[in-house]
Amino acid sequence: NVNQQYLLQIIKDVMQDDQYLIQRHTVMHPYSSLGRPIWRPLRIVGPLQDYDGFHELAAKRSSNFTESVFTNGAGCSIVKKQEMLKLLEEHLRSNLVAIPG
């Protein structure tokens, strides 16, 4: 298990901006063991100044997803730092966080 309070403090120290952008998109890629493609919703979170348009984002992500189709997922949201920290704290306290090894 990971010390949740320690991890939350690291996150607070790293988050320097007042607002963050959440970009949503979906990737459809082959899943050979199922014998069919699957859809995966993905989110990219970062400072406003790191914003990439959908085409740039898909181009960057395509190296991780070969033979895949990307769809734009209803735009972006801007979230204030305090709201983001509240959501992260809720997630950390509601879920077990473990590091393999």
C-alpha atoms as a PDB file:
ATOM      1  CA  ASN A   1       0.000   0.000   0.000  1.00  0.00           C
ATOM      2  CA  VAL A   2       0.975   3.592  -0.566  1.00  0.00           C
ATOM      3  CA  ASN A   3       0.747   6.177   2.212  1.00  0.00           C
ATOM      4  CA  GLN A   4      -2.221   8.199   0.931  1.00  0.00           C
ATOM      5  CA  GLN A   5      -1.412  11.343   2.898  1.00  0.00           C
ATOM      6  CA  TYR A   6       2.171  11.331   1.617  1.00  0.00           C
ATOM      7  CA  LEU A   7       1.013  10.820  -1.979  1.00  0.00           C
ATOM      8  CA  LEU A   8      -1.534  13.632  -1.641  1.00  0.00           C
ATOM      9  CA  GLN A   9       1.189  15.987  -0.354  1.00  0.00           C
ATOM     10  CA  ILE A  10       3.384  15.135  -3.360  1.00  0.00           C
ATOM     11  CA  ILE A  11       0.461  15.912  -5.679  1.00  0.00           C
ATOM     12  CA  LYS A  12      -0.160  19.258  -3.937  1.00  0.00           C
ATOM     13  CA  ASP A  13       3.524  20.151  -4.303  1.00  0.00           C
ATOM     14  CA  VAL A  14       3.548  19.275  -8.016  1.00  0.00           C
ATOM     15  CA  MET A  15       0.316  21.084  -8.960  1.00  0.00           C
ATOM     16  CA  GLN A  16       1.547  24.642  -9.419  1.00  0.00           C
ATOM     17  CA  ASP A  17      -1.121  26.074 -11.749  1.00  0.00           C
ATOM     18  CA  ASP A  18      -4.474  27.526 -10.668  1.00  0.00           C
ATOM     19  CA  GLN A  19      -6.469  25.835 -13.445  1.00  0.00           C
ATOM     20  CA  TYR A  20      -6.186  22.570 -15.354  1.00  0.00           C
ATOM     21  CA  LEU A  21      -7.605  21.412 -18.658  1.00  0.00           C
ATOM     22  CA  ILE A  22      -9.245  17.997 -19.073  1.00  0.00           C
ATOM     23  CA  GLN A  23      -9.346  16.788 -22.685  1.00  0.00           C
ATOM     24  CA  ARG A  24     -11.607  13.825 -23.446  1.00  0.00           C
ATOM     25  CA  HIS A  25     -11.256  11.444 -26.352  1.00  0.00           C
ATOM     26  CA  THR A  26     -11.920   7.818 -27.179  1.00  0.00           C
ATOM     27  CA  VAL A  27      -9.697   5.286 -28.875  1.00  0.00           C
ATOM     28  CA  MET A  28     -10.946   2.159 -30.606  1.00  0.00           C
ATOM     29  CA  HIS A  29      -8.271  -0.487 -30.980  1.00  0.00           C
ATOM     30  CA  PRO A  30      -8.081  -4.205 -31.756  1.00  0.00           C
ATOM     31  CA  TYR A  31      -8.202  -6.570 -28.811  1.00  0.00           C
ATOM     32  CA  SER A  32      -6.926  -9.868 -30.158  1.00  0.00           C
ATOM     33  CA  SER A  33      -7.959 -12.111 -27.249  1.00  0.00           C
ATOM     34  CA  LEU A  34     -11.575 -10.964 -27.631  1.00  0.00           C
ATOM     35  CA  GLY A  35     -11.401 -11.105 -31.401  1.00  0.00           C
ATOM     36  CA  ARG A  36     -12.949  -7.670 -31.737  1.00  0.00           C
ATOM     37  CA  PRO A  37     -12.091  -4.012 -31.223  1.00  0.00           C
ATOM     38  CA  ILE A  38     -12.758  -2.255 -27.930  1.00  0.00           C
ATOM     39  CA  TRP A  39     -13.466   1.399 -27.123  1.00  0.00           C
ATOM     40  CA  ARG A  40     -11.457   3.089 -24.378  1.00  0.00           C
ATOM     41  CA  PRO A  41     -12.391   6.512 -23.075  1.00  0.00           C
ATOM     42  CA  LEU A  42      -9.247   8.487 -22.278  1.00  0.00           C
ATOM     43  CA  ARG A  43      -8.593  11.797 -20.539  1.00  0.00           C
ATOM     44  CA  ILE A  44      -5.556  14.018 -20.664  1.00  0.00           C
ATOM     45  CA  VAL A  45      -5.152  16.444 -17.757  1.00  0.00           C
ATOM     46  CA  GLY A  46      -2.637  19.262 -17.758  1.00  0.00           C
ATOM     47  CA  PRO A  47      -2.021  22.982 -17.438  1.00  0.00           C
ATOM     48  CA  LEU A  48      -3.884  25.253 -19.842  1.00  0.00           C
ATOM     49  CA  GLN A  49      -0.675  26.240 -21.621  1.00  0.00           C
ATOM     50  CA  ASP A  50      -0.028  22.572 -22.549  1.00  0.00           C
ATOM     51  CA  TYR A  51      -3.260  22.352 -24.565  1.00  0.00           C
ATOM     52  CA  ASP A  52      -3.004  20.444 -27.839  1.00  0.00           C
ATOM     53  CA  GLY A  53      -5.803  20.409 -30.372  1.00  0.00           C
ATOM     54  CA  PHE A  54      -7.437  17.053 -31.059  1.00  0.00           C
ATOM     55  CA  HIS A  55      -5.341  16.329 -34.171  1.00  0.00           C
ATOM     56  CA  GLU A  56      -2.074  17.004 -32.318  1.00  0.00           C
ATOM     57  CA  LEU A  57      -3.240  14.955 -29.334  1.00  0.00           C
ATOM     58  CA  ALA A  58      -4.211  11.989 -31.550  1.00  0.00           C
ATOM     59  CA  ALA A  59      -0.889  12.178 -33.401  1.00  0.00           C
ATOM     60  CA  LYS A  60       1.048  12.047 -30.111  1.00  0.00           C
ATOM     61  CA  ARG A  61      -1.066   9.206 -28.678  1.00  0.00           C
ATOM     62  CA  SER A  62      -0.997   7.133 -31.880  1.00  0.00           C
ATOM     63  CA  SER A  63       2.450   5.725 -31.067  1.00  0.00           C
ATOM     64  CA  ASN A  64       0.853   3.932 -28.083  1.00  0.00           C
ATOM     65  CA  PHE A  65      -2.149   2.669 -30.057  1.00  0.00           C
ATOM     66  CA  THR A  66      -1.309   1.116 -33.420  1.00  0.00           C
ATOM     67  CA  GLU A  67      -4.144   0.216 -35.790  1.00  0.00           C
ATOM     68  CA  SER A  68      -6.487   2.450 -33.806  1.00  0.00           C
ATOM     69  CA  VAL A  69      -9.163   5.069 -34.414  1.00  0.00           C
ATOM     70  CA  PHE A  70      -9.403   8.203 -32.251  1.00  0.00           C
ATOM     71  CA  THR A  71     -12.613  10.151 -31.750  1.00  0.00           C
ATOM     72  CA  ASN A  72     -12.957  13.572 -30.191  1.00  0.00           C
ATOM     73  CA  GLY A  73     -14.856  13.240 -26.923  1.00  0.00           C
ATOM     74  CA  ALA A  74     -17.068  16.288 -26.515  1.00  0.00           C
ATOM     75  CA  GLY A  75     -14.374  18.865 -25.969  1.00  0.00           C
ATOM     76  CA  CYS A  76     -12.593  20.034 -22.877  1.00  0.00           C
ATOM     77  CA  SER A  77     -13.276  21.154 -19.322  1.00  0.00           C
ATOM     78  CA  ILE A  78     -11.382  23.660 -17.223  1.00  0.00           C
ATOM     79  CA  VAL A  79     -11.080  22.706 -13.552  1.00  0.00           C
ATOM     80  CA  LYS A  80      -9.733  24.866 -10.746  1.00  0.00           C
ATOM     81  CA  LYS A  81      -6.810  23.542  -8.714  1.00  0.00           C
ATOM     82  CA  GLN A  82      -8.823  23.235  -5.492  1.00  0.00           C
ATOM     83  CA  GLU A  83     -11.555  21.239  -7.228  1.00  0.00           C
ATOM     84  CA  MET A  84      -8.950  18.969  -8.835  1.00  0.00           C
ATOM     85  CA  LEU A  85      -7.267  18.394  -5.464  1.00  0.00           C
ATOM     86  CA  LYS A  86     -10.634  17.592  -3.889  1.00  0.00           C
ATOM     87  CA  LEU A  87     -11.369  15.008  -6.611  1.00  0.00           C
ATOM     88  CA  LEU A  88      -7.900  13.462  -6.301  1.00  0.00           C
ATOM     89  CA  GLU A  89      -8.172  13.256  -2.519  1.00  0.00           C
ATOM     90  CA  GLU A  90     -11.596  11.617  -2.792  1.00  0.00           C
ATOM     91  CA  HIS A  91     -10.192   9.110  -5.293  1.00  0.00           C
ATOM     92  CA  LEU A  92      -7.156   8.316  -3.126  1.00  0.00           C
ATOM     93  CA  ARG A  93      -9.255   7.823   0.002  1.00  0.00           C
ATOM     94  CA  SER A  94     -11.869   5.690  -1.808  1.00  0.00           C
ATOM     95  CA  ASN A  95      -9.441   3.368  -3.603  1.00  0.00           C
ATOM     96  CA  LEU A  96      -6.508   1.209  -2.674  1.00  0.00           C
ATOM     97  CA  VAL A  97      -3.334   2.534  -4.274  1.00  0.00           C
ATOM     98  CA  ALA A  98      -0.594  -0.076  -4.642  1.00  0.00           C
ATOM     99  CA  ILE A  99       2.790  -0.120  -6.326  1.00  0.00           C
ATOM    100  CA  PRO A 100       3.889  -3.451  -7.796  1.00  0.00           C
ATOM    101  CA  GLY A 101       7.129  -4.951  -6.577  1.00  0.00           C
END
